[in-house]
Amino acid sequence: MIKCHLSTLMGARKLKLVDVARDTGINRGTITRLYHETATRVDLDVIEALCRYLECEVGDLFELQDEPQEQ
């Protein structure tokens, strides 16, 4: 599963969803879905805009985690 660290990165910089949406031009709904980790797909231009805005690498924003084993 892919984990999105947008909420952590925004919290460290004390940014609000509306600030990121305004400053990047990304739809607020898209940012909200990433923030709450409910997004099922993300366009590359959104990832690029967020990485440039937050001055981070893609690996800082997203992390691949193993799925929990079902028993």
C-alpha atoms as a PDB file:
ATOM      1  CA  MET A   1       0.000   0.000   0.000  1.00  0.00           C
ATOM      2  CA  ILE A   2       1.129   3.558  -0.628  1.00  0.00           C
ATOM      3  CA  LYS A   3       1.268   5.866   2.405  1.00  0.00           C
ATOM      4  CA  CYS A   4       1.003   9.612   1.815  1.00  0.00           C
ATOM      5  CA  HIS A   5       2.904  11.880   4.208  1.00  0.00           C
ATOM      6  CA  LEU A   6       1.237  15.124   3.095  1.00  0.00           C
ATOM      7  CA  SER A   7      -0.404  15.702   6.490  1.00  0.00           C
ATOM      8  CA  THR A   8       2.946  15.288   8.266  1.00  0.00           C
ATOM      9  CA  LEU A   9       4.769  17.604   5.855  1.00  0.00           C
ATOM     10  CA  MET A  10       2.024  20.222   6.070  1.00  0.00           C
ATOM     11  CA  GLY A  11       1.919  19.988   9.870  1.00  0.00           C
ATOM     12  CA  ALA A  12       5.664  20.531  10.149  1.00  0.00           C
ATOM     13  CA  ARG A  13       5.285  23.720   8.106  1.00  0.00           C
ATOM     14  CA  LYS A  14       1.992  24.743   9.773  1.00  0.00           C
ATOM     15  CA  LEU A  15       0.210  24.847   6.407  1.00  0.00           C
ATOM     16  CA  LYS A  16      -3.548  24.650   5.902  1.00  0.00           C
ATOM     17  CA  LEU A  17      -5.281  22.799   3.078  1.00  0.00           C
ATOM     18  CA  VAL A  18      -6.566  26.058   1.634  1.00  0.00           C
ATOM     19  CA  ASP A  19      -3.042  27.554   1.630  1.00  0.00           C
ATOM     20  CA  VAL A  20      -1.604  24.611  -0.318  1.00  0.00           C
ATOM     21  CA  ALA A  21      -4.517  24.669  -2.770  1.00  0.00           C
ATOM     22  CA  ARG A  22      -4.168  28.407  -3.371  1.00  0.00           C
ATOM     23  CA  ASP A  23      -0.386  28.391  -3.680  1.00  0.00           C
ATOM     24  CA  THR A  24      -0.124  25.324  -5.943  1.00  0.00           C
ATOM     25  CA  GLY A  25      -3.295  25.657  -8.007  1.00  0.00           C
ATOM     26  CA  ILE A  26      -4.232  22.075  -7.096  1.00  0.00           C
ATOM     27  CA  ASN A  27      -7.924  21.422  -6.487  1.00  0.00           C
ATOM     28  CA  ARG A  28      -8.722  21.529  -2.768  1.00  0.00           C
ATOM     29  CA  GLY A  29     -10.577  18.211  -3.002  1.00  0.00           C
ATOM     30  CA  THR A  30      -7.464  16.523  -4.376  1.00  0.00           C
ATOM     31  CA  ILE A  31      -5.339  17.879  -1.550  1.00  0.00           C
ATOM     32  CA  THR A  32      -7.975  16.841   1.009  1.00  0.00           C
ATOM     33  CA  ARG A  33      -8.010  13.271  -0.341  1.00  0.00           C
ATOM     34  CA  LEU A  34      -4.207  13.090  -0.192  1.00  0.00           C
ATOM     35  CA  TYR A  35      -4.151  14.629   3.287  1.00  0.00           C
ATOM     36  CA  HIS A  36      -6.644  12.056   4.619  1.00  0.00           C
ATOM     37  CA  GLU A  37      -5.106   9.241   2.539  1.00  0.00           C
ATOM     38  CA  THR A  38      -8.324   8.429   0.704  1.00  0.00           C
ATOM     39  CA  ALA A  39      -7.008   9.182  -2.796  1.00  0.00           C
ATOM     40  CA  THR A  40      -6.949   6.217  -5.160  1.00  0.00           C
ATOM     41  CA  ARG A  41      -4.945   7.898  -7.916  1.00  0.00           C
ATOM     42  CA  VAL A  42      -2.844  11.021  -8.329  1.00  0.00           C
ATOM     43  CA  ASP A  43      -1.711  12.778 -11.505  1.00  0.00           C
ATOM     44  CA  LEU A  44       2.028  13.240 -11.940  1.00  0.00           C
ATOM     45  CA  ASP A  45       1.617  17.006 -12.300  1.00  0.00           C
ATOM     46  CA  VAL A  46      -0.004  17.098  -8.826  1.00  0.00           C
ATOM     47  CA  ILE A  47       2.900  15.141  -7.334  1.00  0.00           C
ATOM     48  CA  GLU A  48       5.383  17.435  -9.036  1.00  0.00           C
ATOM     49  CA  ALA A  49       3.607  20.592  -7.835  1.00  0.00           C
ATOM     50  CA  LEU A  50       3.459  19.320  -4.249  1.00  0.00           C
ATOM     51  CA  CYS A  51       7.126  18.281  -4.230  1.00  0.00           C
ATOM     52  CA  ARG A  52       8.218  21.644  -5.622  1.00  0.00           C
ATOM     53  CA  TYR A  53       5.998  23.543  -3.181  1.00  0.00           C
ATOM     54  CA  LEU A  54       7.087  21.524  -0.142  1.00  0.00           C
ATOM     55  CA  GLU A  55      10.698  21.332  -1.384  1.00  0.00           C
ATOM     56  CA  CYS A  56      10.781  17.569  -0.943  1.00  0.00           C
ATOM     57  CA  GLU A  57      11.404  14.440  -2.977  1.00  0.00           C
ATOM     58  CA  VAL A  58       8.674  12.051  -4.124  1.00  0.00           C
ATOM     59  CA  GLY A  59       9.956   9.532  -1.561  1.00  0.00           C
ATOM     60  CA  ASP A  60       9.390  12.088   1.211  1.00  0.00           C
ATOM     61  CA  LEU A  61       5.765  12.490   0.125  1.00  0.00           C
ATOM     62  CA  PHE A  62       4.912   8.840  -0.594  1.00  0.00           C
ATOM     63  CA  GLU A  63       6.090   5.587   0.965  1.00  0.00           C
ATOM     64  CA  LEU A  64       5.492   1.999  -0.121  1.00  0.00           C
ATOM     65  CA  GLN A  65       4.431  -0.163   2.828  1.00  0.00           C
ATOM     66  CA  ASP A  66       3.742  -3.872   2.978  1.00  0.00           C
ATOM     67  CA  GLU A  67       0.093  -4.886   3.273  1.00  0.00           C
ATOM     68  CA  PRO A  68      -0.800  -6.385   6.657  1.00  0.00           C
ATOM     69  CA  GLN A  69      -0.984 -10.174   6.509  1.00  0.00           C
ATOM     70  CA  GLU A  70      -4.520 -11.534   6.878  1.00  0.00           C
ATOM     71  CA  GLN A  71      -4.841 -14.710   8.888  1.00  0.00           C
END
